[in-house]
Amino acid sequence: MSAKAKKQKGEVKEERAQVTQRIALIEVEALLKRLEKDLDKEAFKYLTPYSLAQQYNIKISLAKKLLRTAVEKDLLKLYSGGRRTPIYIAASFKEPVDK
């Protein structure tokens, strides 16, 4: 294979990677809007990557990215940052006061 062919092949791979990243970004933004609507409805007591992946029928890696993005946008806060399974709650959640 000539150097020119290798260079063209590399450029094609880079273009595909850029397109994939753009699609993933659009998908995260759409899911973030959906998550925000569900949080307004108080549909979740708590969220984990697994529960979000099951609810929205997405991969766990995408669910993790979505949860991290939601924390950055102050929709969620990290309740328990365990090594394996982080637990998130709504940022507007208020713990009940003991009487």
Protein backbone atom coordinates (compact mmCIF):
# COMPACT_ATOMS: atom_id res chain seq x y z
CA MET A 1 0.00 0.00 0.00
CA SER A 2 1.42 3.35 -0.97
CA ALA A 3 1.94 6.22 1.45
CA LYS A 4 -0.75 8.22 -0.33
CA ALA A 5 -3.33 5.44 0.13
CA LYS A 6 -2.45 5.11 3.81
CA LYS A 7 -2.86 8.85 4.31
CA GLN A 8 -6.29 8.81 2.63
CA LYS A 9 -7.35 5.83 4.74
CA GLY A 10 -6.27 7.67 7.90
CA GLU A 11 -8.23 10.77 6.89
CA VAL A 12 -11.36 8.69 6.33
CA LYS A 13 -11.04 7.17 9.82
CA GLU A 14 -10.62 10.62 11.36
CA GLU A 15 -13.74 11.89 9.57
CA ARG A 16 -15.75 8.90 10.80
CA ALA A 17 -14.57 9.50 14.36
CA GLN A 18 -15.59 13.16 14.19
CA VAL A 19 -19.03 12.28 12.84
CA THR A 20 -19.49 9.66 15.56
CA GLN A 21 -18.54 12.18 18.25
CA ARG A 22 -21.03 14.73 16.88
CA ILE A 23 -23.81 12.14 16.83
CA ALA A 24 -22.98 11.09 20.39
CA LEU A 25 -23.07 14.72 21.52
CA ILE A 26 -26.46 15.26 19.91
CA GLU A 27 -27.74 12.06 21.52
CA VAL A 28 -26.53 13.14 24.97
CA GLU A 29 -28.21 16.52 24.61
CA ALA A 30 -31.52 14.91 23.59
CA LEU A 31 -31.34 12.45 26.48
CA LEU A 32 -30.44 15.27 28.86
CA LYS A 33 -33.63 17.11 27.91
CA ARG A 34 -35.62 13.92 28.46
CA LEU A 35 -33.95 13.39 31.85
CA GLU A 36 -34.72 16.96 32.85
CA LYS A 37 -38.42 16.44 32.04
CA ASP A 38 -38.46 13.22 34.07
CA LEU A 39 -36.77 14.95 37.00
CA ASP A 40 -39.43 17.68 36.90
CA LYS A 41 -42.09 14.96 37.13
CA GLU A 42 -40.16 13.42 40.06
CA ALA A 43 -40.07 10.08 38.24
CA PHE A 44 -36.91 8.93 40.05
CA LYS A 45 -36.04 8.69 43.75
CA TYR A 46 -32.43 7.99 42.84
CA LEU A 47 -30.44 7.15 39.73
CA THR A 48 -27.62 4.77 38.98
CA PRO A 49 -26.01 4.15 35.60
CA TYR A 50 -27.74 0.77 35.41
CA SER A 51 -31.21 2.09 36.27
CA LEU A 52 -30.89 4.92 33.75
CA ALA A 53 -29.67 2.51 31.05
CA GLN A 54 -32.67 0.26 31.69
CA GLN A 55 -35.15 3.14 31.76
CA TYR A 56 -33.94 4.80 28.54
CA ASN A 57 -32.75 1.63 26.77
CA ILE A 58 -29.19 2.91 26.26
CA LYS A 59 -25.72 1.55 26.96
CA ILE A 60 -24.31 1.91 30.47
CA SER A 61 -21.35 3.92 29.19
CA LEU A 62 -23.75 6.46 27.67
CA ALA A 63 -25.77 6.49 30.90
CA LYS A 64 -22.60 7.29 32.88
CA LYS A 65 -21.78 10.15 30.50
CA LEU A 66 -25.35 11.44 30.76
CA LEU A 67 -25.24 11.39 34.57
CA ARG A 68 -21.90 13.21 34.68
CA THR A 69 -23.24 15.85 32.29
CA ALA A 70 -26.37 16.26 34.43
CA VAL A 71 -24.18 16.86 37.50
CA GLU A 72 -22.22 19.53 35.61
CA LYS A 73 -25.50 21.26 34.67
CA ASP A 74 -26.73 21.07 38.31
CA LEU A 75 -29.67 18.80 37.55
CA LEU A 76 -28.34 16.01 39.75
CA LYS A 77 -25.95 15.71 42.65
CA LEU A 78 -23.80 12.80 43.66
CA TYR A 79 -25.29 11.13 46.73
CA SER A 80 -22.84 8.25 47.09
CA GLY A 81 -19.74 8.02 44.95
CA GLY A 82 -18.96 4.36 45.40
CA ARG A 83 -16.18 2.79 43.44
CA ARG A 84 -18.48 0.61 41.36
CA THR A 85 -21.91 2.19 41.40
CA PRO A 86 -22.36 5.91 41.96
CA ILE A 87 -25.79 6.96 43.18
CA TYR A 88 -27.28 10.28 42.10
CA ILE A 89 -30.29 12.19 43.39
CA ALA A 90 -32.12 15.21 42.01
CA ALA A 91 -30.46 18.50 42.91
CA SER A 92 -33.83 19.80 44.11
CA PHE A 93 -34.34 16.82 46.47
CA LYS A 94 -34.85 17.82 50.08
CA GLU A 95 -34.46 15.25 52.83
CA PRO A 96 -37.45 14.94 55.19
CA VAL A 97 -37.08 16.61 58.56
CA ASP A 98 -37.45 14.28 61.57
CA LYS A 99 -40.17 15.30 64.01
